[in-house]
Amino acid sequence: MKSLTELLMEYRDLTIKLSDKIYKEEYDEDISDFFNRRGNIIEEIKKENYDSKEIRNTFESLKLSDEEKKLEHAISLKKTEVEKSIVELRGGKSARSTYGKKFSVGPFYVSKKI
């Protein structure tokens, strides 16, 4: 059985690795594994029924809140970039379909009977 400090240190290390992978855009199967392992650590801490003051003190001493903020910033930054790309793609698709309709010749544009 690991101590609270060991569990939170492992949690911190996973958080740092996740932040680095997201900033470097290294999206692979490891990312979901890191998130799952972090979740398992949280569940393990819940099972052990540690005192909330002890958790808070250890959390602060390891400066986990700073690492959590870095991870949150990395995720929100990449999310914004993806949303911007989606908007740009939608605009291109819209323009392409509009221009495509103007120059197409179909049964609706031909009025002469054969």
C-alpha atoms as a PDB file:
ATOM      1  CA  MET A   1       0.000   0.000   0.000  1.00  0.00           C
ATOM      2  CA  LYS A   2       1.332   3.387  -0.994  1.00  0.00           C
ATOM      3  CA  SER A   3       1.280   6.414   1.254  1.00  0.00           C
ATOM      4  CA  LEU A   4      -0.727   9.503   0.409  1.00  0.00           C
ATOM      5  CA  THR A   5       2.439  11.379  -0.539  1.00  0.00           C
ATOM      6  CA  GLU A   6       3.529   8.618  -2.916  1.00  0.00           C
ATOM      7  CA  LEU A   7       0.096   8.519  -4.535  1.00  0.00           C
ATOM      8  CA  LEU A   8      -0.027  12.270  -5.008  1.00  0.00           C
ATOM      9  CA  MET A   9       3.547  12.353  -6.327  1.00  0.00           C
ATOM     10  CA  GLU A  10       2.575   9.762  -8.918  1.00  0.00           C
ATOM     11  CA  TYR A  11      -0.521  11.836  -9.713  1.00  0.00           C
ATOM     12  CA  ARG A  12       1.673  14.924 -10.133  1.00  0.00           C
ATOM     13  CA  ASP A  13       4.090  13.086 -12.425  1.00  0.00           C
ATOM     14  CA  LEU A  14       1.222  11.878 -14.614  1.00  0.00           C
ATOM     15  CA  THR A  15      -0.188  15.405 -14.745  1.00  0.00           C
ATOM     16  CA  ILE A  16       3.181  16.812 -15.851  1.00  0.00           C
ATOM     17  CA  LYS A  17       3.538  14.140 -18.533  1.00  0.00           C
ATOM     18  CA  LEU A  18       0.028  14.852 -19.781  1.00  0.00           C
ATOM     19  CA  SER A  19       0.715  18.585 -20.001  1.00  0.00           C
ATOM     20  CA  ASP A  20       3.919  17.960 -21.935  1.00  0.00           C
ATOM     21  CA  LYS A  21       2.223  15.573 -24.368  1.00  0.00           C
ATOM     22  CA  ILE A  22      -0.619  17.996 -25.007  1.00  0.00           C
ATOM     23  CA  TYR A  23       1.702  20.974 -25.545  1.00  0.00           C
ATOM     24  CA  LYS A  24       3.852  18.888 -27.915  1.00  0.00           C
ATOM     25  CA  GLU A  25       0.712  17.531 -29.634  1.00  0.00           C
ATOM     26  CA  GLU A  26       1.762  13.940 -29.046  1.00  0.00           C
ATOM     27  CA  TYR A  27      -1.700  12.440 -29.100  1.00  0.00           C
ATOM     28  CA  ASP A  28      -1.456   8.702 -28.743  1.00  0.00           C
ATOM     29  CA  GLU A  29      -2.982   5.950 -26.667  1.00  0.00           C
ATOM     30  CA  ASP A  30      -0.793   6.965 -23.710  1.00  0.00           C
ATOM     31  CA  ILE A  31      -2.906  10.043 -23.037  1.00  0.00           C
ATOM     32  CA  SER A  32      -6.046   8.078 -22.244  1.00  0.00           C
ATOM     33  CA  ASP A  33      -3.938   5.683 -20.184  1.00  0.00           C
ATOM     34  CA  PHE A  34      -2.549   8.634 -18.185  1.00  0.00           C
ATOM     35  CA  PHE A  35      -6.051   9.954 -17.524  1.00  0.00           C
ATOM     36  CA  ASN A  36      -7.206   6.473 -16.460  1.00  0.00           C
ATOM     37  CA  ARG A  37      -4.233   6.066 -14.124  1.00  0.00           C
ATOM     38  CA  ARG A  38      -4.926   9.464 -12.568  1.00  0.00           C
ATOM     39  CA  GLY A  39      -8.536   8.400 -12.022  1.00  0.00           C
ATOM     40  CA  ASN A  40      -7.356   5.174 -10.399  1.00  0.00           C
ATOM     41  CA  ILE A  41      -5.133   7.140  -8.022  1.00  0.00           C
ATOM     42  CA  ILE A  42      -8.077   9.313  -7.008  1.00  0.00           C
ATOM     43  CA  GLU A  43     -10.193   6.212  -6.401  1.00  0.00           C
ATOM     44  CA  GLU A  44      -7.404   4.674  -4.332  1.00  0.00           C
ATOM     45  CA  ILE A  45      -7.188   7.826  -2.197  1.00  0.00           C
ATOM     46  CA  LYS A  46     -10.966   7.741  -1.697  1.00  0.00           C
ATOM     47  CA  LYS A  47     -10.829   4.082  -0.609  1.00  0.00           C
ATOM     48  CA  GLU A  48      -8.197   4.784   2.028  1.00  0.00           C
ATOM     49  CA  ASN A  49     -10.328   7.509   3.661  1.00  0.00           C
ATOM     50  CA  TYR A  50      -7.473   9.929   4.236  1.00  0.00           C
ATOM     51  CA  ASP A  51      -8.208  13.021   6.296  1.00  0.00           C
ATOM     52  CA  SER A  52      -9.170  15.968   4.077  1.00  0.00           C
ATOM     53  CA  LYS A  53      -6.694  18.255   5.865  1.00  0.00           C
ATOM     54  CA  GLU A  54      -3.909  15.762   5.236  1.00  0.00           C
ATOM     55  CA  ILE A  55      -4.859  15.557   1.557  1.00  0.00           C
ATOM     56  CA  ARG A  56      -5.020  19.343   1.259  1.00  0.00           C
ATOM     57  CA  ASN A  57      -1.649  19.837   2.988  1.00  0.00           C
ATOM     58  CA  THR A  58       0.060  17.211   0.838  1.00  0.00           C
ATOM     59  CA  PHE A  59      -1.602  18.604  -2.280  1.00  0.00           C
ATOM     60  CA  GLU A  60      -0.295  22.091  -1.478  1.00  0.00           C
ATOM     61  CA  SER A  61       3.182  20.924  -0.478  1.00  0.00           C
ATOM     62  CA  LEU A  62       3.597  19.132  -3.818  1.00  0.00           C
ATOM     63  CA  LYS A  63       2.247  22.221  -5.654  1.00  0.00           C
ATOM     64  CA  LEU A  64      -0.301  20.091  -7.456  1.00  0.00           C
ATOM     65  CA  SER A  65      -2.632  23.006  -8.056  1.00  0.00           C
ATOM     66  CA  ASP A  66       0.008  24.656 -10.275  1.00  0.00           C
ATOM     67  CA  GLU A  67       0.387  21.497 -12.336  1.00  0.00           C
ATOM     68  CA  GLU A  68      -3.387  21.112 -12.582  1.00  0.00           C
ATOM     69  CA  LYS A  69      -3.658  24.692 -13.851  1.00  0.00           C
ATOM     70  CA  LYS A  70      -0.941  24.037 -16.452  1.00  0.00           C
ATOM     71  CA  LEU A  71      -2.791  20.950 -17.665  1.00  0.00           C
ATOM     72  CA  GLU A  72      -6.098  22.802 -17.772  1.00  0.00           C
ATOM     73  CA  HIS A  73      -4.469  25.640 -19.735  1.00  0.00           C
ATOM     74  CA  ALA A  74      -2.908  23.203 -22.223  1.00  0.00           C
ATOM     75  CA  ILE A  75      -6.232  21.462 -22.778  1.00  0.00           C
ATOM     76  CA  SER A  76      -8.185  24.703 -23.204  1.00  0.00           C
ATOM     77  CA  LEU A  77      -5.522  26.097 -25.561  1.00  0.00           C
ATOM     78  CA  LYS A  78      -5.649  23.035 -27.802  1.00  0.00           C
ATOM     79  CA  LYS A  79      -9.444  22.969 -27.614  1.00  0.00           C
ATOM     80  CA  THR A  80      -9.556  26.576 -28.841  1.00  0.00           C
ATOM     81  CA  GLU A  81      -7.181  25.739 -31.695  1.00  0.00           C
ATOM     82  CA  VAL A  82      -9.341  22.798 -32.766  1.00  0.00           C
ATOM     83  CA  GLU A  83     -12.516  24.874 -32.594  1.00  0.00           C
ATOM     84  CA  LYS A  84     -10.863  27.555 -34.741  1.00  0.00           C
ATOM     85  CA  SER A  85      -9.825  24.938 -37.301  1.00  0.00           C
ATOM     86  CA  ILE A  86     -13.360  23.553 -37.428  1.00  0.00           C
ATOM     87  CA  VAL A  87     -14.793  27.026 -38.055  1.00  0.00           C
ATOM     88  CA  GLU A  88     -12.262  27.591 -40.860  1.00  0.00           C
ATOM     89  CA  LEU A  89     -13.125  24.241 -42.422  1.00  0.00           C
ATOM     90  CA  ARG A  90     -16.832  25.003 -42.259  1.00  0.00           C
ATOM     91  CA  GLY A  91     -16.227  28.340 -44.009  1.00  0.00           C
ATOM     92  CA  GLY A  92     -14.239  26.640 -46.766  1.00  0.00           C
ATOM     93  CA  LYS A  93     -16.889  24.000 -47.236  1.00  0.00           C
ATOM     94  CA  SER A  94     -19.614  26.631 -47.364  1.00  0.00           C
ATOM     95  CA  ALA A  95     -17.722  28.699 -49.925  1.00  0.00           C
ATOM     96  CA  ARG A  96     -16.926  25.639 -52.017  1.00  0.00           C
ATOM     97  CA  SER A  97     -20.541  24.508 -52.120  1.00  0.00           C
ATOM     98  CA  THR A  98     -21.765  28.022 -52.941  1.00  0.00           C
ATOM     99  CA  TYR A  99     -19.303  28.523 -55.793  1.00  0.00           C
ATOM    100  CA  GLY A 100     -19.947  25.007 -57.009  1.00  0.00           C
ATOM    101  CA  LYS A 101     -23.660  25.735 -57.375  1.00  0.00           C
ATOM    102  CA  LYS A 102     -23.070  28.932 -59.341  1.00  0.00           C
ATOM    103  CA  PHE A 103     -21.054  27.248 -62.026  1.00  0.00           C
ATOM    104  CA  SER A 104     -22.904  23.982 -62.312  1.00  0.00           C
ATOM    105  CA  VAL A 105     -25.159  23.234 -65.216  1.00  0.00           C
ATOM    106  CA  GLY A 106     -27.981  20.965 -64.340  1.00  0.00           C
ATOM    107  CA  PRO A 107     -31.557  20.328 -65.352  1.00  0.00           C
ATOM    108  CA  PHE A 108     -32.744  23.404 -63.449  1.00  0.00           C
ATOM    109  CA  TYR A 109     -30.551  25.767 -65.448  1.00  0.00           C
ATOM    110  CA  VAL A 110     -31.472  24.504 -68.916  1.00  0.00           C
ATOM    111  CA  SER A 111     -34.800  25.872 -70.108  1.00  0.00           C
ATOM    112  CA  LYS A 112     -34.655  24.806 -73.749  1.00  0.00           C
ATOM    113  CA  LYS A 113     -36.651  21.750 -74.782  1.00  0.00           C
ATOM    114  CA  ILE A 114     -35.027  19.189 -76.981  1.00  0.00           C
END
